[in-house]
Every structure is written in C-alpha cells, then in structure tokens.
Amino acid sequence: MDALRLDRYVIDTLMADLVGHDRKPSAYLVYLAVAAAERPAALGYGELAERTGLSRRACQQAVAHLRRRGLIEAARQSANDAAVYRALTPWVRPKPPPSTSLP
C-alpha cells in the first residue's frame, strides 16, 4: 500500500479555510484528489468526479476556485485533452540557497 504524505498545513489550515471560510468543501476534496494523483495528473472532470464522489459540475467549480486561489495549476495540450493538474503549496517558502562566504 502506498502512503500519501500531506503537509500538516493541508489538514490544520487549508481544510478549515476551504470548507469553513470559503464554504467550498468540494474544492478541498478536489485538492486532495489532485495532490494524491500521480504527478503530473492528467484528469478529466469525469475522472475527478469518480475519485471524489462529486458531480462533474461540482468538480468544474472546485477547479475554478482552486485556480483562483493559486492552489492548483492546470494545463491542456488542446481543448479536447484532459487537463494536467499539479497541486501547489504556496504556504511553503523555498529554502534560500546556502550562502557562500569568500575567504
């Protein structure tokens, strides 16, 4: 069995933010589905609906909300292709490069 590793922020903060504050529990479920998918995740709305138990329309609205919030990226090769999704973690700051001191 493969284990899914989630940043503590996803449970402690993002869930309350999307479900409680934004009142978009569907967006939280879609975020989890994208985060759990193989990277990069080429998923159609039908497959997202199957994975989350939501309707296709709810998945479309959730994806739009997550994109507006900067929580997922979506790219398509053409209009007929499934979008390739990537879960983003804007709360994680990149580590600064090690400083090099000259002697």
N, C-alpha and C. Protein backbone atom coordinates (compact mmCIF):
# COMPACT_ATOMS: atom_id res chain seq x y z
N MET A 1 0.84 -1.17 0.00
CA MET A 1 0.00 0.00 0.00
C MET A 1 0.89 1.24 0.00
N ASP A 2 0.60 2.15 -0.91
CA ASP A 2 1.35 3.41 -0.95
C ASP A 2 0.77 4.39 0.06
N ALA A 3 1.62 5.13 0.70
CA ALA A 3 1.19 6.13 1.67
C ALA A 3 1.17 7.51 1.00
N LEU A 4 0.21 8.30 1.34
CA LEU A 4 0.11 9.67 0.85
C LEU A 4 0.65 10.59 1.93
N ARG A 5 1.64 11.37 1.58
CA ARG A 5 2.21 12.33 2.53
C ARG A 5 1.60 13.70 2.27
N LEU A 6 1.01 14.27 3.30
CA LEU A 6 0.43 15.61 3.21
C LEU A 6 1.15 16.53 4.18
N ASP A 7 1.33 17.74 3.75
CA ASP A 7 1.86 18.77 4.63
C ASP A 7 0.82 19.01 5.74
N ARG A 8 1.25 19.20 6.96
CA ARG A 8 0.35 19.45 8.09
C ARG A 8 -0.60 20.61 7.80
N TYR A 9 -0.15 21.58 7.03
CA TYR A 9 -0.95 22.75 6.68
C TYR A 9 -2.25 22.34 5.97
N VAL A 10 -2.20 21.30 5.16
CA VAL A 10 -3.37 20.86 4.40
C VAL A 10 -4.49 20.45 5.34
N ILE A 11 -4.16 19.80 6.43
CA ILE A 11 -5.17 19.38 7.41
C ILE A 11 -5.49 20.49 8.40
N ASP A 12 -4.48 21.12 8.95
CA ASP A 12 -4.68 22.09 10.03
C ASP A 12 -5.27 23.42 9.56
N THR A 13 -4.93 23.86 8.36
CA THR A 13 -5.33 25.20 7.93
C THR A 13 -6.17 25.20 6.66
N LEU A 14 -5.68 24.51 5.63
CA LEU A 14 -6.38 24.56 4.34
C LEU A 14 -7.79 23.99 4.42
N MET A 15 -7.98 22.91 5.17
CA MET A 15 -9.32 22.33 5.29
C MET A 15 -10.29 23.33 5.90
N ALA A 16 -9.92 23.96 6.99
CA ALA A 16 -10.79 24.95 7.62
C ALA A 16 -11.03 26.15 6.71
N ASP A 17 -10.01 26.54 5.96
CA ASP A 17 -10.13 27.68 5.07
C ASP A 17 -11.09 27.39 3.92
N LEU A 18 -10.90 26.27 3.23
CA LEU A 18 -11.76 25.95 2.09
C LEU A 18 -13.17 25.53 2.51
N VAL A 19 -13.28 24.72 3.54
CA VAL A 19 -14.58 24.20 3.96
C VAL A 19 -15.35 25.23 4.78
N GLY A 20 -14.69 25.82 5.77
CA GLY A 20 -15.38 26.75 6.66
C GLY A 20 -15.49 28.16 6.13
N HIS A 21 -14.36 28.74 5.78
CA HIS A 21 -14.35 30.14 5.34
C HIS A 21 -14.93 30.31 3.94
N ASP A 22 -14.41 29.57 2.96
CA ASP A 22 -14.88 29.69 1.58
C ASP A 22 -16.18 28.95 1.32
N ARG A 23 -16.55 28.05 2.22
CA ARG A 23 -17.73 27.20 2.05
C ARG A 23 -17.69 26.42 0.74
N LYS A 24 -16.51 25.84 0.49
CA LYS A 24 -16.28 25.05 -0.72
C LYS A 24 -15.67 23.70 -0.36
N PRO A 25 -16.40 22.83 0.33
CA PRO A 25 -15.83 21.52 0.67
C PRO A 25 -15.44 20.73 -0.58
N SER A 26 -16.15 20.97 -1.68
CA SER A 26 -15.80 20.27 -2.92
C SER A 26 -14.39 20.65 -3.38
N ALA A 27 -14.00 21.89 -3.17
CA ALA A 27 -12.66 22.33 -3.56
C ALA A 27 -11.60 21.59 -2.74
N TYR A 28 -11.88 21.35 -1.47
CA TYR A 28 -10.94 20.62 -0.63
C TYR A 28 -10.78 19.18 -1.13
N LEU A 29 -11.89 18.54 -1.47
CA LEU A 29 -11.83 17.16 -1.97
C LEU A 29 -11.06 17.09 -3.29
N VAL A 30 -11.28 18.04 -4.17
CA VAL A 30 -10.57 18.06 -5.45
C VAL A 30 -9.08 18.31 -5.21
N TYR A 31 -8.74 19.22 -4.30
CA TYR A 31 -7.33 19.46 -3.98
C TYR A 31 -6.67 18.16 -3.52
N LEU A 32 -7.34 17.42 -2.63
CA LEU A 32 -6.78 16.15 -2.14
C LEU A 32 -6.63 15.15 -3.28
N ALA A 33 -7.60 15.08 -4.18
CA ALA A 33 -7.52 14.14 -5.31
C ALA A 33 -6.35 14.49 -6.22
N VAL A 34 -6.14 15.77 -6.46
CA VAL A 34 -5.01 16.19 -7.30
C VAL A 34 -3.69 15.93 -6.59
N ALA A 35 -3.64 16.22 -5.30
CA ALA A 35 -2.41 16.00 -4.53
C ALA A 35 -2.07 14.51 -4.46
N ALA A 36 -3.07 13.64 -4.44
CA ALA A 36 -2.85 12.20 -4.32
C ALA A 36 -2.56 11.53 -5.66
N ALA A 37 -2.82 12.22 -6.76
CA ALA A 37 -2.65 11.62 -8.09
C ALA A 37 -1.17 11.51 -8.45
N GLU A 38 -0.90 10.63 -9.39
CA GLU A 38 0.46 10.53 -9.92
C GLU A 38 0.80 11.86 -10.57
N ARG A 39 2.03 12.26 -10.45
CA ARG A 39 2.44 13.56 -11.00
C ARG A 39 3.02 13.39 -12.38
N PRO A 40 2.73 14.23 -13.33
CA PRO A 40 1.61 15.17 -13.38
C PRO A 40 0.31 14.40 -13.62
N ALA A 41 -0.78 14.92 -13.10
CA ALA A 41 -2.05 14.21 -13.13
C ALA A 41 -2.93 14.72 -14.27
N ALA A 42 -3.08 13.91 -15.31
CA ALA A 42 -3.98 14.24 -16.41
C ALA A 42 -5.35 13.67 -16.05
N LEU A 43 -6.24 14.54 -15.62
CA LEU A 43 -7.55 14.12 -15.14
C LEU A 43 -8.65 14.92 -15.82
N GLY A 44 -9.64 14.23 -16.35
CA GLY A 44 -10.83 14.90 -16.85
C GLY A 44 -11.78 15.14 -15.70
N TYR A 45 -12.79 15.95 -15.94
CA TYR A 45 -13.77 16.21 -14.88
C TYR A 45 -14.51 14.94 -14.49
N GLY A 46 -14.72 14.04 -15.45
CA GLY A 46 -15.37 12.77 -15.14
C GLY A 46 -14.55 11.93 -14.17
N GLU A 47 -13.24 11.88 -14.40
CA GLU A 47 -12.37 11.12 -13.50
C GLU A 47 -12.28 11.77 -12.13
N LEU A 48 -12.19 13.11 -12.11
CA LEU A 48 -12.20 13.81 -10.81
C LEU A 48 -13.50 13.52 -10.06
N ALA A 49 -14.62 13.52 -10.79
CA ALA A 49 -15.91 13.23 -10.16
C ALA A 49 -15.93 11.82 -9.60
N GLU A 50 -15.38 10.87 -10.34
CA GLU A 50 -15.33 9.49 -9.87
C GLU A 50 -14.46 9.35 -8.63
N ARG A 51 -13.32 10.02 -8.61
CA ARG A 51 -12.39 9.92 -7.48
C ARG A 51 -12.93 10.58 -6.22
N THR A 52 -13.71 11.66 -6.38
CA THR A 52 -14.17 12.42 -5.22
C THR A 52 -15.61 12.13 -4.81
N GLY A 53 -16.39 11.53 -5.70
CA GLY A 53 -17.80 11.32 -5.40
C GLY A 53 -18.66 12.54 -5.67
N LEU A 54 -18.08 13.55 -6.30
CA LEU A 54 -18.79 14.78 -6.63
C LEU A 54 -19.35 14.69 -8.05
N SER A 55 -20.20 15.63 -8.41
CA SER A 55 -20.67 15.71 -9.78
C SER A 55 -19.60 16.38 -10.65
N ARG A 56 -19.71 16.19 -11.95
CA ARG A 56 -18.77 16.84 -12.88
C ARG A 56 -18.83 18.36 -12.70
N ARG A 57 -20.02 18.90 -12.58
CA ARG A 57 -20.18 20.36 -12.42
C ARG A 57 -19.52 20.85 -11.13
N ALA A 58 -19.68 20.10 -10.04
CA ALA A 58 -19.05 20.48 -8.77
C ALA A 58 -17.53 20.47 -8.93
N CYS A 59 -17.00 19.50 -9.70
CA CYS A 59 -15.56 19.44 -9.93
C CYS A 59 -15.09 20.63 -10.76
N GLN A 60 -15.87 21.01 -11.77
CA GLN A 60 -15.52 22.19 -12.59
C GLN A 60 -15.45 23.44 -11.72
N GLN A 61 -16.44 23.61 -10.86
CA GLN A 61 -16.46 24.79 -9.98
C GLN A 61 -15.31 24.74 -8.98
N ALA A 62 -15.02 23.56 -8.46
CA ALA A 62 -13.93 23.42 -7.50
C ALA A 62 -12.59 23.73 -8.14
N VAL A 63 -12.36 23.23 -9.36
CA VAL A 63 -11.11 23.52 -10.08
C VAL A 63 -10.98 25.02 -10.31
N ALA A 64 -12.05 25.67 -10.73
CA ALA A 64 -12.00 27.11 -10.95
C ALA A 64 -11.66 27.85 -9.66
N HIS A 65 -12.24 27.43 -8.56
CA HIS A 65 -11.96 28.07 -7.27
C HIS A 65 -10.51 27.86 -6.85
N LEU A 66 -10.03 26.62 -6.99
CA LEU A 66 -8.64 26.33 -6.62
C LEU A 66 -7.65 27.08 -7.50
N ARG A 67 -7.95 27.24 -8.77
CA ARG A 67 -7.07 28.00 -9.66
C ARG A 67 -7.05 29.48 -9.25
N ARG A 68 -8.22 30.04 -8.94
CA ARG A 68 -8.28 31.44 -8.48
C ARG A 68 -7.47 31.64 -7.21
N ARG A 69 -7.52 30.65 -6.32
CA ARG A 69 -6.80 30.74 -5.04
C ARG A 69 -5.31 30.41 -5.19
N GLY A 70 -4.89 29.98 -6.37
CA GLY A 70 -3.48 29.65 -6.57
C GLY A 70 -3.06 28.35 -5.90
N LEU A 71 -4.01 27.41 -5.78
CA LEU A 71 -3.73 26.14 -5.11
C LEU A 71 -3.48 24.99 -6.07
N ILE A 72 -3.88 25.15 -7.32
CA ILE A 72 -3.56 24.15 -8.34
C ILE A 72 -3.20 24.86 -9.64
N GLU A 73 -2.42 24.16 -10.46
CA GLU A 73 -2.13 24.58 -11.82
C GLU A 73 -2.84 23.61 -12.74
N ALA A 74 -3.35 24.12 -13.85
CA ALA A 74 -3.98 23.26 -14.85
C ALA A 74 -3.49 23.69 -16.22
N ALA A 75 -3.09 22.72 -17.02
CA ALA A 75 -2.63 23.00 -18.39
C ALA A 75 -3.23 21.95 -19.32
N ARG A 76 -3.54 22.37 -20.52
CA ARG A 76 -4.09 21.47 -21.54
C ARG A 76 -3.25 21.55 -22.80
N GLN A 77 -3.08 20.41 -23.47
CA GLN A 77 -2.41 20.39 -24.77
C GLN A 77 -3.35 20.96 -25.83
N SER A 78 -4.62 20.57 -25.76
CA SER A 78 -5.63 21.08 -26.69
C SER A 78 -6.97 21.14 -25.95
N ALA A 79 -7.95 21.73 -26.57
CA ALA A 79 -9.25 21.89 -25.93
C ALA A 79 -9.92 20.55 -25.62
N ASN A 80 -9.59 19.51 -26.36
CA ASN A 80 -10.22 18.20 -26.16
C ASN A 80 -9.48 17.30 -25.18
N ASP A 81 -8.28 17.67 -24.78
CA ASP A 81 -7.49 16.86 -23.85
C ASP A 81 -7.89 17.12 -22.41
N ALA A 82 -7.68 16.11 -21.58
CA ALA A 82 -7.87 16.29 -20.14
C ALA A 82 -6.77 17.23 -19.64
N ALA A 83 -7.11 18.04 -18.67
CA ALA A 83 -6.13 18.97 -18.10
C ALA A 83 -5.11 18.19 -17.28
N VAL A 84 -3.91 18.70 -17.27
CA VAL A 84 -2.85 18.14 -16.42
C VAL A 84 -2.78 19.04 -15.19
N TYR A 85 -3.07 18.46 -14.03
CA TYR A 85 -3.14 19.24 -12.79
C TYR A 85 -1.90 19.00 -11.94
N ARG A 86 -1.57 20.03 -11.19
CA ARG A 86 -0.50 19.93 -10.20
C ARG A 86 -0.93 20.71 -8.97
N ALA A 87 -0.91 20.05 -7.82
CA ALA A 87 -1.24 20.72 -6.56
C ALA A 87 -0.08 21.64 -6.19
N LEU A 88 -0.39 22.86 -5.83
CA LEU A 88 0.62 23.84 -5.43
C LEU A 88 0.62 23.98 -3.91
N THR A 89 1.73 24.42 -3.39
CA THR A 89 1.86 24.64 -1.94
C THR A 89 2.42 26.04 -1.71
N PRO A 90 1.59 27.07 -1.90
CA PRO A 90 2.09 28.44 -1.75
C PRO A 90 2.50 28.79 -0.33
N TRP A 91 2.12 28.00 0.65
CA TRP A 91 2.50 28.26 2.04
C TRP A 91 3.93 27.81 2.33
N VAL A 92 4.51 27.03 1.45
CA VAL A 92 5.89 26.56 1.63
C VAL A 92 6.83 27.53 0.92
N ARG A 93 7.69 28.12 1.68
CA ARG A 93 8.66 29.05 1.09
C ARG A 93 9.90 28.28 0.69
N PRO A 94 10.42 28.57 -0.50
CA PRO A 94 11.65 27.85 -0.89
C PRO A 94 12.80 28.21 0.04
N LYS A 95 13.63 27.23 0.27
CA LYS A 95 14.78 27.47 1.13
C LYS A 95 15.78 28.34 0.38
N PRO A 96 16.33 29.32 1.07
CA PRO A 96 17.33 30.17 0.39
C PRO A 96 18.58 29.34 0.08
N PRO A 97 19.25 29.70 -0.99
CA PRO A 97 20.48 28.96 -1.31
C PRO A 97 21.51 29.17 -0.21
N PRO A 98 22.36 28.20 -0.02
CA PRO A 98 23.39 28.35 1.03
C PRO A 98 24.28 29.55 0.69
N SER A 99 24.58 30.27 1.73
CA SER A 99 25.44 31.44 1.50
C SER A 99 26.89 30.99 1.30
N THR A 100 27.52 31.65 0.42
CA THR A 100 28.93 31.36 0.20
C THR A 100 29.73 32.56 0.66
N SER A 101 30.60 32.30 1.55
CA SER A 101 31.43 33.40 2.03
C SER A 101 32.82 33.26 1.42
N LEU A 102 33.31 34.35 0.99
CA LEU A 102 34.65 34.36 0.40
C LEU A 102 35.68 34.51 1.50
N PRO A 103 36.79 33.76 1.38
CA PRO A 103 37.81 33.86 2.45
C PRO A 103 38.54 35.17 2.40
